């Protein structure tokens, strides 16, 4: 799985990368939405995490531009701002989901689930537990 992390703060990109340290993920980091749009065609990300507040294009504008440049990319808007209209705005620009940065576990679960369902690479070798009677 190819993951592009877009955030203007290097520390936040590092935190997301370290938190999503799953086997089989190749990461590309971008410091702006403009950089992400430029690099998308060559990197060909499966998934993109997109910050909202960035210099230049904001995350919503960047998502729209990135999806126009490389439509297969699935974009997840990441934000610290609790704004009810962000859900609708995320949907309208073609984002797959909106997740709050305070809940990165939801992002990890979502990507792990997608990796498991696409049979790209398993995230665990454990066998399921037998049903409880």
N, C-alpha and C. Protein backbone atom coordinates (compact mmCIF):
# COMPACT_ATOMS: atom_id res chain seq x y z
N UNK A 1 0.85 -1.17 0.00
CA UNK A 1 0.00 0.00 0.00
C UNK A 1 0.89 1.23 0.00
N UNK A 2 0.54 2.19 -0.82
CA UNK A 2 1.27 3.46 -0.86
C UNK A 2 0.45 4.52 -0.15
N UNK A 3 1.09 5.18 0.81
CA UNK A 3 0.43 6.21 1.62
C UNK A 3 1.16 7.52 1.47
N UNK A 4 0.44 8.58 1.14
CA UNK A 4 0.98 9.92 1.09
C UNK A 4 0.46 10.69 2.31
N UNK A 5 1.39 11.25 3.09
CA UNK A 5 1.03 12.03 4.27
C UNK A 5 1.27 13.49 3.94
N UNK A 6 0.20 14.29 3.99
CA UNK A 6 0.30 15.71 3.62
C UNK A 6 -0.01 16.56 4.84
N UNK A 7 0.99 17.27 5.32
CA UNK A 7 0.83 18.16 6.47
C UNK A 7 1.99 19.15 6.45
N UNK A 8 1.72 20.40 6.76
CA UNK A 8 2.78 21.41 6.72
C UNK A 8 3.73 21.35 7.91
N UNK A 9 3.40 20.57 8.92
CA UNK A 9 4.27 20.43 10.10
C UNK A 9 5.01 19.09 10.04
N UNK A 10 6.34 19.16 9.99
CA UNK A 10 7.17 17.95 9.90
C UNK A 10 6.92 17.03 11.08
N UNK A 11 6.75 17.59 12.28
CA UNK A 11 6.50 16.77 13.46
C UNK A 11 5.21 15.99 13.37
N UNK A 12 4.19 16.59 12.80
CA UNK A 12 2.91 15.90 12.63
C UNK A 12 3.04 14.79 11.60
N UNK A 13 3.75 15.06 10.50
CA UNK A 13 3.97 14.00 9.50
C UNK A 13 4.70 12.82 10.13
N UNK A 14 5.72 13.12 10.93
CA UNK A 14 6.48 12.06 11.59
C UNK A 14 5.59 11.26 12.55
N UNK A 15 4.75 11.97 13.31
CA UNK A 15 3.86 11.30 14.26
C UNK A 15 2.91 10.36 13.51
N UNK A 16 2.32 10.83 12.42
CA UNK A 16 1.40 10.00 11.64
C UNK A 16 2.15 8.80 11.06
N UNK A 17 3.32 9.03 10.48
CA UNK A 17 4.12 7.95 9.90
C UNK A 17 4.45 6.90 10.96
N UNK A 18 4.90 7.34 12.13
CA UNK A 18 5.25 6.40 13.19
C UNK A 18 4.02 5.65 13.71
N UNK A 19 2.89 6.33 13.81
CA UNK A 19 1.68 5.70 14.30
C UNK A 19 1.15 4.67 13.31
N UNK A 20 1.35 4.93 12.02
CA UNK A 20 0.86 4.02 10.98
C UNK A 20 1.94 3.08 10.51
N UNK A 21 2.89 2.80 11.36
CA UNK A 21 4.00 1.92 11.00
C UNK A 21 3.49 0.49 10.86
N UNK A 22 2.84 0.23 9.76
CA UNK A 22 2.29 -1.10 9.47
C UNK A 22 3.15 -1.77 8.40
N UNK A 23 3.26 -3.09 8.44
CA UNK A 23 4.03 -3.77 7.40
C UNK A 23 3.39 -3.57 6.04
N UNK A 24 4.23 -3.35 5.05
CA UNK A 24 3.72 -3.24 3.69
C UNK A 24 3.31 -1.86 3.25
N UNK A 25 3.56 -0.83 4.06
CA UNK A 25 3.19 0.53 3.67
C UNK A 25 4.44 1.29 3.21
N UNK A 26 4.37 1.84 2.01
CA UNK A 26 5.40 2.73 1.50
C UNK A 26 4.86 4.16 1.66
N UNK A 27 5.67 5.04 2.27
CA UNK A 27 5.20 6.38 2.62
C UNK A 27 5.91 7.46 1.80
N UNK A 28 5.14 8.45 1.39
CA UNK A 28 5.65 9.67 0.76
C UNK A 28 5.10 10.83 1.58
N UNK A 29 5.98 11.72 2.04
CA UNK A 29 5.54 12.86 2.84
C UNK A 29 5.60 14.14 2.01
N UNK A 30 4.58 14.97 2.16
CA UNK A 30 4.51 16.25 1.46
C UNK A 30 4.18 17.35 2.45
N UNK A 31 4.84 18.50 2.31
CA UNK A 31 4.67 19.62 3.23
C UNK A 31 3.56 20.58 2.81
N UNK A 32 2.95 20.33 1.66
CA UNK A 32 1.86 21.20 1.21
C UNK A 32 0.95 20.44 0.26
N UNK A 33 -0.23 20.98 0.08
CA UNK A 33 -1.16 20.39 -0.88
C UNK A 33 -0.64 20.51 -2.30
N UNK A 34 0.02 21.62 -2.60
CA UNK A 34 0.58 21.80 -3.95
C UNK A 34 1.64 20.73 -4.24
N UNK A 35 2.49 20.45 -3.25
CA UNK A 35 3.51 19.42 -3.42
C UNK A 35 2.84 18.05 -3.63
N UNK A 36 1.80 17.77 -2.87
CA UNK A 36 1.09 16.50 -3.00
C UNK A 36 0.50 16.33 -4.39
N UNK A 37 -0.10 17.38 -4.92
CA UNK A 37 -0.70 17.31 -6.25
C UNK A 37 0.40 17.05 -7.29
N UNK A 38 1.54 17.73 -7.15
CA UNK A 38 2.66 17.54 -8.09
C UNK A 38 3.21 16.12 -8.03
N UNK A 39 3.30 15.55 -6.85
CA UNK A 39 3.94 14.24 -6.68
C UNK A 39 3.00 13.05 -6.86
N UNK A 40 1.70 13.30 -6.87
CA UNK A 40 0.71 12.21 -6.91
C UNK A 40 0.83 11.34 -8.16
N UNK A 41 1.01 11.94 -9.30
CA UNK A 41 1.04 11.15 -10.54
C UNK A 41 2.23 10.18 -10.55
N UNK A 42 3.39 10.60 -10.03
CA UNK A 42 4.56 9.72 -10.00
C UNK A 42 4.50 8.70 -8.86
N UNK A 43 4.08 9.13 -7.68
CA UNK A 43 4.05 8.23 -6.52
C UNK A 43 2.88 7.25 -6.59
N UNK A 44 1.76 7.69 -7.16
CA UNK A 44 0.55 6.86 -7.29
C UNK A 44 0.06 6.33 -5.94
N UNK A 45 -0.31 7.24 -5.03
CA UNK A 45 -0.74 6.78 -3.70
C UNK A 45 -2.08 6.05 -3.75
N UNK A 46 -2.17 5.02 -2.91
CA UNK A 46 -3.46 4.36 -2.72
C UNK A 46 -4.30 5.20 -1.77
N UNK A 47 -3.63 5.72 -0.73
CA UNK A 47 -4.29 6.51 0.31
C UNK A 47 -3.49 7.78 0.58
N UNK A 48 -4.21 8.83 0.93
CA UNK A 48 -3.60 10.12 1.25
C UNK A 48 -4.24 10.63 2.53
N UNK A 49 -3.39 11.02 3.50
CA UNK A 49 -3.92 11.75 4.66
C UNK A 49 -3.66 13.22 4.38
N UNK A 50 -4.69 14.04 4.50
CA UNK A 50 -4.62 15.45 4.10
C UNK A 50 -4.99 16.35 5.27
N UNK A 51 -4.04 17.18 5.68
CA UNK A 51 -4.29 18.19 6.70
C UNK A 51 -5.23 19.25 6.12
N UNK A 52 -5.96 19.95 6.97
CA UNK A 52 -6.89 20.98 6.50
C UNK A 52 -6.19 22.34 6.39
N UNK A 53 -5.57 22.78 7.47
CA UNK A 53 -4.97 24.12 7.52
C UNK A 53 -3.52 24.06 7.07
N UNK A 54 -3.27 24.56 5.85
CA UNK A 54 -1.92 24.62 5.31
C UNK A 54 -1.76 25.91 4.52
N UNK A 55 -0.54 26.40 4.40
CA UNK A 55 -0.32 27.57 3.54
C UNK A 55 -0.65 27.23 2.09
N UNK A 56 -1.04 28.21 1.32
CA UNK A 56 -1.44 27.96 -0.06
C UNK A 56 -2.83 27.34 -0.08
N UNK A 57 -2.98 26.28 -0.86
CA UNK A 57 -4.26 25.58 -0.90
C UNK A 57 -4.52 24.91 0.44
N UNK A 58 -5.76 25.02 0.91
CA UNK A 58 -6.10 24.28 2.14
C UNK A 58 -6.34 22.81 1.76
N UNK A 59 -6.60 22.00 2.76
CA UNK A 59 -6.76 20.57 2.53
C UNK A 59 -7.92 20.21 1.63
N UNK A 60 -8.99 20.97 1.69
CA UNK A 60 -10.15 20.69 0.84
C UNK A 60 -9.84 21.00 -0.62
N UNK A 61 -9.22 22.16 -0.85
CA UNK A 61 -8.82 22.53 -2.22
C UNK A 61 -7.79 21.54 -2.76
N UNK A 62 -6.86 21.15 -1.90
CA UNK A 62 -5.82 20.21 -2.31
C UNK A 62 -6.41 18.83 -2.61
N UNK A 63 -7.39 18.41 -1.84
CA UNK A 63 -8.03 17.12 -2.09
C UNK A 63 -8.70 17.13 -3.46
N UNK A 64 -9.41 18.18 -3.74
CA UNK A 64 -10.09 18.29 -5.03
C UNK A 64 -9.08 18.26 -6.18
N UNK A 65 -7.98 19.01 -6.04
CA UNK A 65 -6.96 19.05 -7.08
C UNK A 65 -6.24 17.71 -7.21
N UNK A 66 -5.94 17.07 -6.10
CA UNK A 66 -5.26 15.79 -6.13
C UNK A 66 -6.13 14.72 -6.77
N UNK A 67 -7.41 14.72 -6.44
CA UNK A 67 -8.32 13.73 -7.02
C UNK A 67 -8.48 13.96 -8.53
N UNK A 68 -8.39 15.22 -8.97
CA UNK A 68 -8.45 15.50 -10.41
C UNK A 68 -7.16 15.02 -11.10
N UNK A 69 -6.04 15.18 -10.43
CA UNK A 69 -4.74 14.78 -10.98
C UNK A 69 -4.55 13.26 -10.96
N UNK A 70 -4.98 12.63 -9.87
CA UNK A 70 -4.80 11.18 -9.71
C UNK A 70 -6.05 10.59 -9.05
N UNK A 71 -7.10 10.34 -9.84
CA UNK A 71 -8.40 9.89 -9.30
C UNK A 71 -8.39 8.63 -8.44
N UNK A 72 -7.49 7.65 -8.66
CA UNK A 72 -7.56 6.45 -7.82
C UNK A 72 -7.24 6.68 -6.33
N UNK A 73 -6.56 7.77 -6.01
CA UNK A 73 -6.17 8.02 -4.62
C UNK A 73 -7.40 8.21 -3.73
N UNK A 74 -7.38 7.55 -2.60
CA UNK A 74 -8.43 7.70 -1.58
C UNK A 74 -7.89 8.68 -0.53
N UNK A 75 -8.58 9.79 -0.35
CA UNK A 75 -8.10 10.84 0.54
C UNK A 75 -8.88 10.83 1.85
N UNK A 76 -8.13 10.87 2.95
CA UNK A 76 -8.71 10.99 4.28
C UNK A 76 -8.30 12.35 4.83
N UNK A 77 -9.27 13.18 5.09
CA UNK A 77 -8.99 14.49 5.68
C UNK A 77 -8.69 14.28 7.16
N UNK A 78 -7.55 14.82 7.61
CA UNK A 78 -7.19 14.80 9.03
C UNK A 78 -7.22 16.21 9.56
N UNK A 79 -7.90 16.41 10.67
CA UNK A 79 -7.99 17.76 11.23
C UNK A 79 -8.07 17.72 12.74
N UNK A 80 -7.68 18.83 13.34
CA UNK A 80 -7.85 19.01 14.78
C UNK A 80 -9.07 19.87 15.07
N UNK A 81 -9.66 20.44 14.01
CA UNK A 81 -10.78 21.36 14.16
C UNK A 81 -12.10 20.61 14.13
N UNK A 82 -12.90 20.81 15.15
CA UNK A 82 -14.23 20.19 15.21
C UNK A 82 -15.22 21.18 14.60
N UNK A 83 -15.42 21.02 13.32
CA UNK A 83 -16.34 21.88 12.57
C UNK A 83 -17.36 20.97 11.87
N UNK A 84 -18.63 21.05 12.27
CA UNK A 84 -19.63 20.15 11.68
C UNK A 84 -19.70 20.20 10.16
N UNK A 85 -19.47 21.35 9.56
CA UNK A 85 -19.58 21.44 8.10
C UNK A 85 -18.40 20.79 7.38
N UNK A 86 -17.34 20.42 8.11
CA UNK A 86 -16.20 19.77 7.49
C UNK A 86 -16.56 18.40 6.90
N UNK A 87 -17.52 17.69 7.51
CA UNK A 87 -17.93 16.39 6.97
C UNK A 87 -18.52 16.56 5.57
N UNK A 88 -19.44 17.50 5.43
CA UNK A 88 -20.07 17.73 4.13
C UNK A 88 -19.04 18.24 3.12
N UNK A 89 -18.18 19.15 3.55
CA UNK A 89 -17.15 19.69 2.67
C UNK A 89 -16.19 18.58 2.22
N UNK A 90 -15.82 17.70 3.13
CA UNK A 90 -14.94 16.58 2.79
C UNK A 90 -15.58 15.71 1.71
N UNK A 91 -16.84 15.40 1.90
CA UNK A 91 -17.57 14.59 0.92
C UNK A 91 -17.64 15.30 -0.43
N UNK A 92 -17.91 16.59 -0.40
CA UNK A 92 -18.10 17.33 -1.66
C UNK A 92 -16.83 17.44 -2.50
N UNK A 93 -15.65 17.35 -1.87
CA UNK A 93 -14.39 17.42 -2.63
C UNK A 93 -13.84 16.03 -2.97
N UNK A 94 -14.56 14.99 -2.59
CA UNK A 94 -14.17 13.64 -2.97
C UNK A 94 -13.36 12.87 -1.95
N UNK A 95 -13.30 13.37 -0.72
CA UNK A 95 -12.59 12.63 0.33
C UNK A 95 -13.37 11.39 0.73
N UNK A 96 -12.66 10.36 1.12
CA UNK A 96 -13.26 9.11 1.57
C UNK A 96 -13.77 9.22 3.00
N UNK A 97 -13.04 9.98 3.82
CA UNK A 97 -13.39 10.09 5.24
C UNK A 97 -12.78 11.35 5.83
N UNK A 98 -13.27 11.72 7.00
CA UNK A 98 -12.70 12.78 7.81
C UNK A 98 -12.44 12.17 9.19
N UNK A 99 -11.21 12.30 9.66
CA UNK A 99 -10.83 11.75 10.96
C UNK A 99 -10.12 12.84 11.74
N UNK A 100 -10.44 12.93 13.02
CA UNK A 100 -9.77 13.91 13.88
C UNK A 100 -8.39 13.39 14.27
N UNK A 101 -7.41 14.29 14.28
CA UNK A 101 -6.03 13.91 14.61
C UNK A 101 -5.93 13.30 16.00
N UNK A 102 -6.83 13.66 16.88
CA UNK A 102 -6.83 13.11 18.23
C UNK A 102 -7.26 11.64 18.24
N UNK A 103 -7.76 11.15 17.10
CA UNK A 103 -8.25 9.77 17.00
C UNK A 103 -7.52 9.03 15.88
N UNK A 104 -6.19 9.07 15.91
CA UNK A 104 -5.42 8.40 14.86
C UNK A 104 -5.62 6.88 14.87
N UNK A 105 -6.09 6.34 15.99
CA UNK A 105 -6.35 4.90 16.01
C UNK A 105 -7.42 4.56 14.97
N UNK A 106 -8.39 5.41 14.76
CA UNK A 106 -9.42 5.16 13.74
C UNK A 106 -8.78 5.08 12.35
N UNK A 107 -7.80 5.93 12.11
CA UNK A 107 -7.09 5.90 10.84
C UNK A 107 -6.31 4.60 10.68
N UNK A 108 -5.62 4.20 11.73
CA UNK A 108 -4.85 2.95 11.69
C UNK A 108 -5.76 1.76 11.44
N UNK A 109 -6.89 1.72 12.13
CA UNK A 109 -7.85 0.62 11.96
C UNK A 109 -8.39 0.62 10.53
N UNK A 110 -8.72 1.78 10.01
CA UNK A 110 -9.26 1.88 8.66
C UNK A 110 -8.26 1.37 7.63
N UNK A 111 -7.01 1.80 7.73
CA UNK A 111 -6.01 1.37 6.76
C UNK A 111 -5.67 -0.11 6.92
N UNK A 112 -5.60 -0.59 8.15
CA UNK A 112 -5.35 -2.02 8.37
C UNK A 112 -6.46 -2.85 7.76
N UNK A 113 -7.69 -2.41 7.96
CA UNK A 113 -8.84 -3.11 7.40
C UNK A 113 -8.78 -3.13 5.88
N UNK A 114 -8.44 -2.01 5.28
CA UNK A 114 -8.36 -1.94 3.81
C UNK A 114 -7.25 -2.85 3.30
N UNK A 115 -6.13 -2.89 4.01
CA UNK A 115 -5.04 -3.77 3.60
C UNK A 115 -5.46 -5.23 3.68
N UNK A 116 -6.16 -5.59 4.75
CA UNK A 116 -6.60 -6.97 4.92
C UNK A 116 -7.63 -7.37 3.87
N UNK A 117 -8.55 -6.47 3.56
CA UNK A 117 -9.61 -6.79 2.59
C UNK A 117 -9.11 -6.81 1.16
N UNK A 118 -8.03 -6.10 0.89
CA UNK A 118 -7.50 -6.10 -0.47
C UNK A 118 -6.48 -7.21 -0.67
N UNK A 119 -6.21 -7.96 0.41
CA UNK A 119 -5.23 -9.05 0.37
C UNK A 119 -3.85 -8.59 -0.03
N UNK A 120 -3.55 -7.30 0.22
CA UNK A 120 -2.22 -6.81 -0.12
C UNK A 120 -1.17 -7.42 0.80
N UNK A 121 -1.43 -7.38 2.09
CA UNK A 121 -0.51 -7.97 3.05
C UNK A 121 -1.25 -8.10 4.37
N UNK A 122 -1.18 -9.23 5.02
CA UNK A 122 -1.88 -9.35 6.30
C UNK A 122 -1.17 -8.56 7.39
N UNK A 123 -1.95 -8.02 8.33
CA UNK A 123 -1.35 -7.29 9.43
C UNK A 123 -1.15 -8.17 10.64
N UNK A 124 -1.61 -9.41 10.59
CA UNK A 124 -1.42 -10.34 11.70
C UNK A 124 -1.35 -11.75 11.16
N UNK A 125 -0.66 -12.61 11.88
CA UNK A 125 -0.58 -14.01 11.48
C UNK A 125 -1.39 -14.88 12.42
N UNK A 126 -2.08 -14.27 13.37
CA UNK A 126 -2.87 -15.02 14.33
C UNK A 126 -4.12 -15.58 13.67
N UNK A 127 -4.51 -16.77 14.12
CA UNK A 127 -5.75 -17.36 13.65
C UNK A 127 -6.90 -16.81 14.48
N UNK A 128 -8.08 -16.67 13.88
CA UNK A 128 -9.21 -16.17 14.66
C UNK A 128 -9.56 -17.11 15.80
N UNK A 129 -10.05 -16.53 16.87
CA UNK A 129 -10.48 -17.33 18.01
C UNK A 129 -11.76 -18.07 17.65
N UNK A 130 -11.93 -19.29 18.20
CA UNK A 130 -13.17 -20.03 17.93
C UNK A 130 -14.34 -19.29 18.58
N UNK A 131 -15.54 -19.44 18.01
CA UNK A 131 -16.71 -18.77 18.59
C UNK A 131 -16.96 -19.25 20.02
N UNK A 132 -17.45 -18.36 20.84
CA UNK A 132 -17.79 -18.70 22.23
C UNK A 132 -19.21 -19.20 22.26
N UNK A 133 -19.42 -20.36 22.88
CA UNK A 133 -20.76 -20.94 22.94
C UNK A 133 -21.51 -20.46 24.15
